[in-house]
């Protein structure tokens, strides 16, 4: 009996330190403290959220030796990943100074995901070269990931769904959660129920292919009138916020917004693409959203 108890105690002694070491303590000094502000705390599926990031660099922070990437993870209430928005800050981290504050705003769209309820945002900095994360101050949830905000994901409160009508190819998706787009032809029509009040029309658009010697010219029309024009170069992505008045939306039950380009391309005809795709392509649209003005 004594031998059995002695064996049990020995086992507990051996197991104890292993279990205690399973939770690592990060005692590295934080080089900066992140925080964010959201333009809305209740966000419908498909809607844009303006996110203002702020990094307060520690007074004693050493110089950053490389340009780190900001990782942004949006998680559900069980901390399961919903989507992300990793990006390079407008001011590269090698230009951040000790004691300074770096602040900028980006817009992300709530993907079409089968989830409603509380969501939280965690951010951090990491090296693309080494995949190592930088020690930051704040509510550390583990592995140098800082919880900076929570918001509520909900179903749309209105029926202003946008329909990709004429002039669009089928939707395509990437391996990243919630990322999808549709290519236009030379002209594509987007339709939605007329709210009969002033709105902001959001259009998230890009041109990822080096197919032209000059940037494309993009024109946005509604009711036969041009409401926005801009150029789009290869590799350029634009988020257009187009204010539209009640008069511009017309008197009908639906409103059409037409996206047209001055030139298109066929992937099979662009040698460097090495593609057999015979489609005529204009521009890619990731998001289109209608927001009534309050």
C-alpha atoms as a PDB file:
ATOM      1  CA  UNK A   1       0.000   0.000   0.000  1.00  0.00           C
ATOM      2  CA  UNK A   2       2.832   2.415   0.906  1.00  0.00           C
ATOM      3  CA  UNK A   3       4.624   1.568  -2.330  1.00  0.00           C
ATOM      4  CA  UNK A   4       1.410   2.313  -4.281  1.00  0.00           C
ATOM      5  CA  UNK A   5       0.942   5.694  -2.533  1.00  0.00           C
ATOM      6  CA  UNK A   6       4.587   6.551  -3.077  1.00  0.00           C
ATOM      7  CA  UNK A   7       4.247   5.723  -6.768  1.00  0.00           C
ATOM      8  CA  UNK A   8       1.126   7.879  -7.031  1.00  0.00           C
ATOM      9  CA  UNK A   9       2.821  10.846  -5.346  1.00  0.00           C
ATOM     10  CA  UNK A  10       5.815  10.480  -7.629  1.00  0.00           C
ATOM     11  CA  UNK A  11       3.502  10.499 -10.633  1.00  0.00           C
ATOM     12  CA  UNK A  12       1.766  13.668  -9.406  1.00  0.00           C
ATOM     13  CA  UNK A  13       5.109  15.362  -8.830  1.00  0.00           C
ATOM     14  CA  UNK A  14       6.221  14.501 -12.365  1.00  0.00           C
ATOM     15  CA  UNK A  15       2.941  15.590 -13.976  1.00  0.00           C
ATOM     16  CA  UNK A  16       2.575  18.826 -11.977  1.00  0.00           C
ATOM     17  CA  UNK A  17       5.399  20.845 -13.555  1.00  0.00           C
ATOM     18  CA  UNK A  18       4.442  19.698 -17.094  1.00  0.00           C
ATOM     19  CA  UNK A  19       0.852  20.872 -16.703  1.00  0.00           C
ATOM     20  CA  UNK A  20       2.006  24.138 -15.170  1.00  0.00           C
ATOM     21  CA  UNK A  21       4.333  24.844 -18.093  1.00  0.00           C
ATOM     22  CA  UNK A  22       1.643  24.307 -20.723  1.00  0.00           C
ATOM     23  CA  UNK A  23       0.579  27.980 -20.427  1.00  0.00           C
ATOM     24  CA  UNK A  24       3.384  30.222 -21.589  1.00  0.00           C
ATOM     25  CA  UNK A  25       3.865  33.607 -19.984  1.00  0.00           C
ATOM     26  CA  UNK A  26       4.913  36.320 -22.418  1.00  0.00           C
ATOM     27  CA  UNK A  27       7.226  38.564 -20.420  1.00  0.00           C
ATOM     28  CA  UNK A  28       8.566  40.477 -23.452  1.00  0.00           C
ATOM     29  CA  UNK A  29       8.166  44.243 -23.167  1.00  0.00           C
ATOM     30  CA  UNK A  30       5.379  45.587 -25.452  1.00  0.00           C
ATOM     31  CA  UNK A  31       6.639  47.837 -28.242  1.00  0.00           C
ATOM     32  CA  UNK A  32       3.214  49.387 -28.902  1.00  0.00           C
ATOM     33  CA  UNK A  33      -0.406  49.309 -27.735  1.00  0.00           C
ATOM     34  CA  UNK A  34      -3.171  49.007 -30.356  1.00  0.00           C
ATOM     35  CA  UNK A  35      -6.775  50.189 -30.183  1.00  0.00           C
ATOM     36  CA  UNK A  36      -9.552  50.719 -32.729  1.00  0.00           C
ATOM     37  CA  UNK A  37     -12.772  52.685 -33.191  1.00  0.00           C
ATOM     38  CA  UNK A  38     -15.670  51.329 -35.269  1.00  0.00           C
ATOM     39  CA  UNK A  39     -18.066  53.450 -37.295  1.00  0.00           C
ATOM     40  CA  UNK A  40     -20.936  51.206 -36.174  1.00  0.00           C
ATOM     41  CA  UNK A  41     -21.472  48.760 -33.341  1.00  0.00           C
ATOM     42  CA  UNK A  42     -24.324  46.919 -35.085  1.00  0.00           C
ATOM     43  CA  UNK A  43     -23.360  45.746 -38.561  1.00  0.00           C
ATOM     44  CA  UNK A  44     -25.628  43.979 -41.024  1.00  0.00           C
ATOM     45  CA  UNK A  45     -24.320  41.255 -43.278  1.00  0.00           C
ATOM     46  CA  UNK A  46     -22.832  42.885 -46.370  1.00  0.00           C
ATOM     47  CA  UNK A  47     -22.432  46.315 -44.766  1.00  0.00           C
ATOM     48  CA  UNK A  48     -19.217  48.355 -44.561  1.00  0.00           C
ATOM     49  CA  UNK A  49     -17.513  49.232 -41.280  1.00  0.00           C
ATOM     50  CA  UNK A  50     -14.943  52.016 -41.080  1.00  0.00           C
ATOM     51  CA  UNK A  51     -12.207  50.885 -38.710  1.00  0.00           C
ATOM     52  CA  UNK A  52      -9.829  53.487 -37.280  1.00  0.00           C
ATOM     53  CA  UNK A  53      -6.627  51.857 -36.044  1.00  0.00           C
ATOM     54  CA  UNK A  54      -4.366  53.496 -33.487  1.00  0.00           C
ATOM     55  CA  UNK A  55      -0.942  52.215 -32.423  1.00  0.00           C
ATOM     56  CA  UNK A  56       0.687  54.042 -29.511  1.00  0.00           C
ATOM     57  CA  UNK A  57       4.381  53.220 -29.764  1.00  0.00           C
ATOM     58  CA  UNK A  58       6.091  52.743 -26.393  1.00  0.00           C
ATOM     59  CA  UNK A  59       8.459  55.560 -25.328  1.00  0.00           C
ATOM     60  CA  UNK A  60      11.301  53.058 -24.932  1.00  0.00           C
ATOM     61  CA  UNK A  61      10.484  50.985 -28.045  1.00  0.00           C
ATOM     62  CA  UNK A  62      13.533  49.993 -30.087  1.00  0.00           C
ATOM     63  CA  UNK A  63      13.611  50.861 -33.788  1.00  0.00           C
ATOM     64  CA  UNK A  64      11.569  48.486 -35.952  1.00  0.00           C
ATOM     65  CA  UNK A  65      13.952  46.552 -38.179  1.00  0.00           C
ATOM     66  CA  UNK A  66      11.372  45.471 -40.761  1.00  0.00           C
ATOM     67  CA  UNK A  67       7.957  46.424 -42.088  1.00  0.00           C
ATOM     68  CA  UNK A  68       5.551  44.295 -40.099  1.00  0.00           C
ATOM     69  CA  UNK A  69       2.073  43.313 -41.263  1.00  0.00           C
ATOM     70  CA  UNK A  70      -0.996  44.132 -39.178  1.00  0.00           C
ATOM     71  CA  UNK A  71      -3.157  41.050 -38.694  1.00  0.00           C
ATOM     72  CA  UNK A  72      -6.862  41.539 -38.054  1.00  0.00           C
ATOM     73  CA  UNK A  73      -8.978  38.585 -36.929  1.00  0.00           C
ATOM     74  CA  UNK A  74     -12.756  38.778 -36.557  1.00  0.00           C
ATOM     75  CA  UNK A  75     -13.993  35.962 -34.292  1.00  0.00           C
ATOM     76  CA  UNK A  76     -17.361  34.693 -33.128  1.00  0.00           C
ATOM     77  CA  UNK A  77     -18.343  34.368 -29.467  1.00  0.00           C
ATOM     78  CA  UNK A  78     -16.456  31.051 -29.248  1.00  0.00           C
ATOM     79  CA  UNK A  79     -13.348  32.642 -30.800  1.00  0.00           C
ATOM     80  CA  UNK A  80     -13.790  30.745 -34.053  1.00  0.00           C
ATOM     81  CA  UNK A  81     -12.420  32.730 -36.983  1.00  0.00           C
ATOM     82  CA  UNK A  82     -15.015  34.451 -39.190  1.00  0.00           C
ATOM     83  CA  UNK A  83     -12.773  36.514 -41.483  1.00  0.00           C
ATOM     84  CA  UNK A  84      -9.671  38.671 -41.472  1.00  0.00           C
ATOM     85  CA  UNK A  85      -8.261  41.892 -42.875  1.00  0.00           C
ATOM     86  CA  UNK A  86      -4.464  41.582 -42.732  1.00  0.00           C
ATOM     87  CA  UNK A  87      -2.772  44.621 -44.252  1.00  0.00           C
ATOM     88  CA  UNK A  88       0.259  46.854 -44.423  1.00  0.00           C
ATOM     89  CA  UNK A  89      -0.227  50.099 -42.469  1.00  0.00           C
ATOM     90  CA  UNK A  90       0.002  53.271 -44.613  1.00  0.00           C
ATOM     91  CA  UNK A  91       3.065  54.303 -42.598  1.00  0.00           C
ATOM     92  CA  UNK A  92       5.455  51.311 -42.644  1.00  0.00           C
ATOM     93  CA  UNK A  93       6.556  50.166 -39.185  1.00  0.00           C
ATOM     94  CA  UNK A  94      10.200  50.937 -40.002  1.00  0.00           C
ATOM     95  CA  UNK A  95       9.113  54.593 -39.908  1.00  0.00           C
ATOM     96  CA  UNK A  96       7.376  54.342 -36.524  1.00  0.00           C
ATOM     97  CA  UNK A  97       9.154  56.319 -33.809  1.00  0.00           C
ATOM     98  CA  UNK A  98       9.332  55.647 -30.072  1.00  0.00           C
ATOM     99  CA  UNK A  99       6.622  57.624 -28.245  1.00  0.00           C
ATOM    100  CA  UNK A 100       4.670  58.391 -31.423  1.00  0.00           C
ATOM    101  CA  UNK A 101       1.067  57.547 -32.337  1.00  0.00           C
ATOM    102  CA  UNK A 102       0.187  55.995 -35.680  1.00  0.00           C
ATOM    103  CA  UNK A 103      -3.457  56.314 -36.737  1.00  0.00           C
ATOM    104  CA  UNK A 104      -5.308  55.470 -39.963  1.00  0.00           C
ATOM    105  CA  UNK A 105      -8.706  54.254 -41.184  1.00  0.00           C
ATOM    106  CA  UNK A 106      -9.660  51.298 -43.367  1.00  0.00           C
ATOM    107  CA  UNK A 107     -13.041  49.954 -44.436  1.00  0.00           C
ATOM    108  CA  UNK A 108     -14.016  46.305 -44.203  1.00  0.00           C
ATOM    109  CA  UNK A 109     -17.265  44.686 -45.300  1.00  0.00           C
ATOM    110  CA  UNK A 110     -19.145  42.117 -43.228  1.00  0.00           C
ATOM    111  CA  UNK A 111     -19.063  38.977 -45.414  1.00  0.00           C
ATOM    112  CA  UNK A 112     -22.144  36.956 -46.257  1.00  0.00           C
ATOM    113  CA  UNK A 113     -21.661  34.391 -43.495  1.00  0.00           C
ATOM    114  CA  UNK A 114     -24.254  32.217 -41.712  1.00  0.00           C
ATOM    115  CA  UNK A 115     -23.644  33.908 -38.356  1.00  0.00           C
ATOM    116  CA  UNK A 116     -25.376  36.582 -36.295  1.00  0.00           C
ATOM    117  CA  UNK A 117     -24.456  37.642 -32.790  1.00  0.00           C
ATOM    118  CA  UNK A 118     -21.483  39.033 -30.912  1.00  0.00           C
ATOM    119  CA  UNK A 119     -18.160  39.240 -32.723  1.00  0.00           C
ATOM    120  CA  UNK A 120     -14.797  40.420 -31.478  1.00  0.00           C
ATOM    121  CA  UNK A 121     -11.782  41.873 -33.231  1.00  0.00           C
ATOM    122  CA  UNK A 122      -8.201  40.968 -32.359  1.00  0.00           C
ATOM    123  CA  UNK A 123      -5.150  42.595 -33.897  1.00  0.00           C
ATOM    124  CA  UNK A 124      -1.387  42.262 -33.798  1.00  0.00           C
ATOM    125  CA  UNK A 125       1.820  42.664 -35.764  1.00  0.00           C
ATOM    126  CA  UNK A 126       3.794  39.890 -37.403  1.00  0.00           C
ATOM    127  CA  UNK A 127       6.805  39.361 -39.634  1.00  0.00           C
ATOM    128  CA  UNK A 128       6.136  37.938 -43.087  1.00  0.00           C
ATOM    129  CA  UNK A 129       9.721  36.662 -43.157  1.00  0.00           C
ATOM    130  CA  UNK A 130       9.825  34.791 -39.845  1.00  0.00           C
ATOM    131  CA  UNK A 131       6.072  34.531 -39.093  1.00  0.00           C
ATOM    132  CA  UNK A 132       6.904  35.720 -35.567  1.00  0.00           C
ATOM    133  CA  UNK A 133       4.535  38.097 -33.782  1.00  0.00           C
ATOM    134  CA  UNK A 134       5.546  41.306 -32.059  1.00  0.00           C
ATOM    135  CA  UNK A 135       4.813  41.805 -28.321  1.00  0.00           C
ATOM    136  CA  UNK A 136       2.037  44.391 -27.865  1.00  0.00           C
ATOM    137  CA  UNK A 137       0.225  45.870 -24.882  1.00  0.00           C
ATOM    138  CA  UNK A 138      -3.483  45.480 -24.164  1.00  0.00           C
ATOM    139  CA  UNK A 139      -5.968  42.645 -23.640  1.00  0.00           C
ATOM    140  CA  UNK A 140      -3.766  39.762 -24.775  1.00  0.00           C
ATOM    141  CA  UNK A 141      -5.876  36.690 -25.580  1.00  0.00           C
ATOM    142  CA  UNK A 142      -2.773  34.570 -26.136  1.00  0.00           C
ATOM    143  CA  UNK A 143      -0.068  34.262 -28.762  1.00  0.00           C
ATOM    144  CA  UNK A 144       0.337  38.068 -28.875  1.00  0.00           C
ATOM    145  CA  UNK A 145      -3.181  38.665 -30.213  1.00  0.00           C
ATOM    146  CA  UNK A 146      -4.819  41.767 -28.687  1.00  0.00           C
ATOM    147  CA  UNK A 147      -8.596  42.042 -28.267  1.00  0.00           C
ATOM    148  CA  UNK A 148      -9.509  45.602 -29.263  1.00  0.00           C
ATOM    149  CA  UNK A 149     -13.277  45.708 -29.900  1.00  0.00           C
ATOM    150  CA  UNK A 150     -16.564  43.850 -30.002  1.00  0.00           C
ATOM    151  CA  UNK A 151     -19.607  44.496 -32.185  1.00  0.00           C
ATOM    152  CA  UNK A 152     -22.857  42.810 -33.147  1.00  0.00           C
ATOM    153  CA  UNK A 153     -23.416  41.048 -36.475  1.00  0.00           C
ATOM    154  CA  UNK A 154     -27.048  41.061 -37.533  1.00  0.00           C
ATOM    155  CA  UNK A 155     -29.361  40.450 -40.457  1.00  0.00           C
ATOM    156  CA  UNK A 156     -30.080  43.424 -42.749  1.00  0.00           C
ATOM    157  CA  UNK A 157     -32.811  45.671 -41.355  1.00  0.00           C
ATOM    158  CA  UNK A 158     -33.952  46.732 -44.831  1.00  0.00           C
ATOM    159  CA  UNK A 159     -34.490  44.995 -48.146  1.00  0.00           C
ATOM    160  CA  UNK A 160     -31.993  47.000 -50.217  1.00  0.00           C
ATOM    161  CA  UNK A 161     -30.288  43.931 -51.624  1.00  0.00           C
ATOM    162  CA  UNK A 162     -28.295  44.528 -54.778  1.00  0.00           C
ATOM    163  CA  UNK A 163     -28.851  42.269 -57.776  1.00  0.00           C
ATOM    164  CA  UNK A 164     -26.070  41.788 -60.338  1.00  0.00           C
ATOM    165  CA  UNK A 165     -28.350  41.845 -63.338  1.00  0.00           C
ATOM    166  CA  UNK A 166     -27.105  42.222 -66.926  1.00  0.00           C
ATOM    167  CA  UNK A 167     -23.467  42.284 -67.982  1.00  0.00           C
ATOM    168  CA  UNK A 168     -21.904  40.230 -65.187  1.00  0.00           C
ATOM    169  CA  UNK A 169     -20.176  36.867 -65.076  1.00  0.00           C
ATOM    170  CA  UNK A 170     -20.943  34.315 -62.363  1.00  0.00           C
ATOM    171  CA  UNK A 171     -19.626  34.947 -58.858  1.00  0.00           C
ATOM    172  CA  UNK A 172     -16.188  33.585 -57.988  1.00  0.00           C
ATOM    173  CA  UNK A 173     -14.698  32.887 -54.567  1.00  0.00           C
ATOM    174  CA  UNK A 174     -11.218  32.599 -53.119  1.00  0.00           C
ATOM    175  CA  UNK A 175      -9.948  30.280 -50.417  1.00  0.00           C
ATOM    176  CA  UNK A 176     -10.280  33.113 -47.893  1.00  0.00           C
ATOM    177  CA  UNK A 177     -13.519  33.085 -45.912  1.00  0.00           C
ATOM    178  CA  UNK A 178     -16.151  35.478 -47.174  1.00  0.00           C
ATOM    179  CA  UNK A 179     -14.162  36.766 -50.183  1.00  0.00           C
ATOM    180  CA  UNK A 180     -16.057  36.726 -53.482  1.00  0.00           C
ATOM    181  CA  UNK A 181     -16.314  38.891 -56.580  1.00  0.00           C
ATOM    182  CA  UNK A 182     -17.970  39.203 -59.978  1.00  0.00           C
ATOM    183  CA  UNK A 183     -16.322  40.302 -63.207  1.00  0.00           C
ATOM    184  CA  UNK A 184     -18.160  42.756 -65.403  1.00  0.00           C
ATOM    185  CA  UNK A 185     -18.246  42.821 -69.160  1.00  0.00           C
ATOM    186  CA  UNK A 186     -17.917  46.207 -70.866  1.00  0.00           C
ATOM    187  CA  UNK A 187     -21.074  47.285 -69.083  1.00  0.00           C
ATOM    188  CA  UNK A 188     -22.824  45.792 -66.050  1.00  0.00           C
ATOM    189  CA  UNK A 189     -26.096  46.743 -64.370  1.00  0.00           C
ATOM    190  CA  UNK A 190     -26.707  46.645 -60.605  1.00  0.00           C
ATOM    191  CA  UNK A 191     -30.317  46.891 -59.392  1.00  0.00           C
ATOM    192  CA  UNK A 192     -31.920  47.490 -55.992  1.00  0.00           C
ATOM    193  CA  UNK A 193     -35.260  48.544 -54.549  1.00  0.00           C
ATOM    194  CA  UNK A 194     -35.637  52.308 -54.664  1.00  0.00           C
ATOM    195  CA  UNK A 195     -35.637  53.576 -51.056  1.00  0.00           C
ATOM    196  CA  UNK A 196     -36.917  56.980 -52.280  1.00  0.00           C
ATOM    197  CA  UNK A 197     -34.511  58.865 -50.040  1.00  0.00           C
ATOM    198  CA  UNK A 198     -30.924  60.051 -50.287  1.00  0.00           C
ATOM    199  CA  UNK A 199     -28.352  57.247 -50.119  1.00  0.00           C
ATOM    200  CA  UNK A 200     -24.643  56.485 -50.272  1.00  0.00           C
ATOM    201  CA  UNK A 201     -23.785  53.865 -52.865  1.00  0.00           C
ATOM    202  CA  UNK A 202     -20.649  51.870 -52.003  1.00  0.00           C
ATOM    203  CA  UNK A 203     -18.695  50.164 -54.764  1.00  0.00           C
ATOM    204  CA  UNK A 204     -15.582  48.084 -53.952  1.00  0.00           C
ATOM    205  CA  UNK A 205     -13.847  47.510 -57.288  1.00  0.00           C
ATOM    206  CA  UNK A 206     -10.448  46.579 -58.728  1.00  0.00           C
ATOM    207  CA  UNK A 207      -8.447  45.608 -61.811  1.00  0.00           C
ATOM    208  CA  UNK A 208      -5.895  42.893 -60.927  1.00  0.00           C
ATOM    209  CA  UNK A 209      -4.536  42.237 -64.442  1.00  0.00           C
ATOM    210  CA  UNK A 210      -1.797  44.058 -66.369  1.00  0.00           C
ATOM    211  CA  UNK A 211      -3.738  43.904 -69.615  1.00  0.00           C
ATOM    212  CA  UNK A 212      -3.559  47.506 -70.855  1.00  0.00           C
ATOM    213  CA  UNK A 213      -0.887  50.093 -71.536  1.00  0.00           C
ATOM    214  CA  UNK A 214      -3.060  52.758 -69.884  1.00  0.00           C
ATOM    215  CA  UNK A 215      -5.454  52.666 -66.902  1.00  0.00           C
ATOM    216  CA  UNK A 216      -9.084  51.853 -67.567  1.00  0.00           C
ATOM    217  CA  UNK A 217     -11.636  54.618 -67.395  1.00  0.00           C
ATOM    218  CA  UNK A 218     -14.642  53.646 -65.274  1.00  0.00           C
ATOM    219  CA  UNK A 219     -17.976  55.423 -65.456  1.00  0.00           C
ATOM    220  CA  UNK A 220     -20.931  55.037 -63.077  1.00  0.00           C
ATOM    221  CA  UNK A 221     -24.392  56.074 -64.297  1.00  0.00           C
ATOM    222  CA  UNK A 222     -27.893  56.066 -62.917  1.00  0.00           C
ATOM    223  CA  UNK A 223     -31.002  57.363 -64.619  1.00  0.00           C
ATOM    224  CA  UNK A 224     -28.901  57.980 -67.718  1.00  0.00           C
ATOM    225  CA  UNK A 225     -26.724  60.529 -65.891  1.00  0.00           C
ATOM    226  CA  UNK A 226     -23.040  60.084 -64.987  1.00  0.00           C
ATOM    227  CA  UNK A 227     -22.619  60.180 -61.190  1.00  0.00           C
ATOM    228  CA  UNK A 228     -18.952  59.148 -60.887  1.00  0.00           C
ATOM    229  CA  UNK A 229     -15.885  58.657 -63.078  1.00  0.00           C
ATOM    230  CA  UNK A 230     -12.397  57.469 -62.182  1.00  0.00           C
ATOM    231  CA  UNK A 231      -9.422  55.564 -63.576  1.00  0.00           C
ATOM    232  CA  UNK A 232      -8.308  52.109 -62.508  1.00  0.00           C
ATOM    233  CA  UNK A 233      -4.750  50.924 -63.083  1.00  0.00           C
ATOM    234  CA  UNK A 234      -3.530  47.335 -62.890  1.00  0.00           C
ATOM    235  CA  UNK A 235      -3.283  46.239 -59.260  1.00  0.00           C
ATOM    236  CA  UNK A 236      -5.401  49.154 -58.061  1.00  0.00           C
ATOM    237  CA  UNK A 237      -8.416  48.673 -55.787  1.00  0.00           C
ATOM    238  CA  UNK A 238     -10.932  51.446 -55.133  1.00  0.00           C
ATOM    239  CA  UNK A 239     -13.749  51.912 -52.657  1.00  0.00           C
ATOM    240  CA  UNK A 240     -16.097  54.488 -54.132  1.00  0.00           C
ATOM    241  CA  UNK A 241     -18.667  56.222 -51.905  1.00  0.00           C
ATOM    242  CA  UNK A 242     -21.152  57.819 -54.262  1.00  0.00           C
ATOM    243  CA  UNK A 243     -23.839  60.098 -52.796  1.00  0.00           C
ATOM    244  CA  UNK A 244     -27.135  59.803 -54.670  1.00  0.00           C
ATOM    245  CA  UNK A 245     -30.145  62.019 -54.087  1.00  0.00           C
ATOM    246  CA  UNK A 246     -33.776  60.978 -54.135  1.00  0.00           C
ATOM    247  CA  UNK A 247     -34.145  62.709 -57.513  1.00  0.00           C
ATOM    248  CA  UNK A 248     -31.202  60.792 -59.008  1.00  0.00           C
ATOM    249  CA  UNK A 249     -32.756  57.486 -57.923  1.00  0.00           C
ATOM    250  CA  UNK A 250     -35.862  58.221 -59.989  1.00  0.00           C
ATOM    251  CA  UNK A 251     -39.508  57.543 -59.288  1.00  0.00           C
ATOM    252  CA  UNK A 252     -39.613  53.833 -60.134  1.00  0.00           C
ATOM    253  CA  UNK A 253     -39.802  50.978 -57.677  1.00  0.00           C
ATOM    254  CA  UNK A 254     -36.252  49.902 -58.564  1.00  0.00           C
ATOM    255  CA  UNK A 255     -33.074  51.796 -59.365  1.00  0.00           C
ATOM    256  CA  UNK A 256     -30.351  50.717 -61.788  1.00  0.00           C
ATOM    257  CA  UNK A 257     -26.696  51.660 -61.418  1.00  0.00           C
ATOM    258  CA  UNK A 258     -24.612  50.978 -64.535  1.00  0.00           C
ATOM    259  CA  UNK A 259     -20.858  50.313 -64.322  1.00  0.00           C
ATOM    260  CA  UNK A 260     -19.062  50.692 -67.656  1.00  0.00           C
ATOM    261  CA  UNK A 261     -15.422  50.678 -68.773  1.00  0.00           C
ATOM    262  CA  UNK A 262     -13.714  52.086 -71.848  1.00  0.00           C
ATOM    263  CA  UNK A 263     -11.895  48.836 -72.627  1.00  0.00           C
ATOM    264  CA  UNK A 264     -12.046  45.139 -71.798  1.00  0.00           C
ATOM    265  CA  UNK A 265      -9.737  42.155 -72.251  1.00  0.00           C
ATOM    266  CA  UNK A 266      -9.911  38.403 -72.840  1.00  0.00           C
ATOM    267  CA  UNK A 267      -7.519  36.403 -70.607  1.00  0.00           C
ATOM    268  CA  UNK A 268      -6.841  33.917 -73.418  1.00  0.00           C
ATOM    269  CA  UNK A 269      -5.577  36.835 -75.487  1.00  0.00           C
ATOM    270  CA  UNK A 270      -3.089  38.106 -72.870  1.00  0.00           C
ATOM    271  CA  UNK A 271       0.102  36.020 -73.376  1.00  0.00           C
ATOM    272  CA  UNK A 272       1.550  36.621 -69.903  1.00  0.00           C
ATOM    273  CA  UNK A 273      -1.606  35.203 -68.278  1.00  0.00           C
ATOM    274  CA  UNK A 274      -1.192  31.813 -69.996  1.00  0.00           C
ATOM    275  CA  UNK A 275      -4.941  31.334 -69.735  1.00  0.00           C
ATOM    276  CA  UNK A 276      -7.592  29.611 -71.819  1.00  0.00           C
ATOM    277  CA  UNK A 277     -10.373  31.777 -70.358  1.00  0.00           C
ATOM    278  CA  UNK A 278     -12.401  33.136 -73.327  1.00  0.00           C
ATOM    279  CA  UNK A 279     -14.533  35.585 -71.324  1.00  0.00           C
ATOM    280  CA  UNK A 280     -14.621  39.311 -71.998  1.00  0.00           C
ATOM    281  CA  UNK A 281     -13.635  40.976 -68.708  1.00  0.00           C
ATOM    282  CA  UNK A 282     -13.926  44.547 -67.539  1.00  0.00           C
ATOM    283  CA  UNK A 283     -13.462  45.084 -63.792  1.00  0.00           C
ATOM    284  CA  UNK A 284     -13.990  43.048 -60.629  1.00  0.00           C
ATOM    285  CA  UNK A 285     -16.575  44.105 -58.055  1.00  0.00           C
ATOM    286  CA  UNK A 286     -16.181  42.715 -54.548  1.00  0.00           C
ATOM    287  CA  UNK A 287     -18.933  44.634 -52.780  1.00  0.00           C
ATOM    288  CA  UNK A 288     -21.846  46.858 -53.682  1.00  0.00           C
ATOM    289  CA  UNK A 289     -23.958  48.297 -50.892  1.00  0.00           C
ATOM    290  CA  UNK A 290     -26.738  50.845 -50.450  1.00  0.00           C
ATOM    291  CA  UNK A 291     -26.880  52.875 -47.224  1.00  0.00           C
ATOM    292  CA  UNK A 292     -29.804  55.265 -46.702  1.00  0.00           C
ATOM    293  CA  UNK A 293     -28.774  58.584 -45.181  1.00  0.00           C
ATOM    294  CA  UNK A 294     -30.137  59.240 -41.726  1.00  0.00           C
END
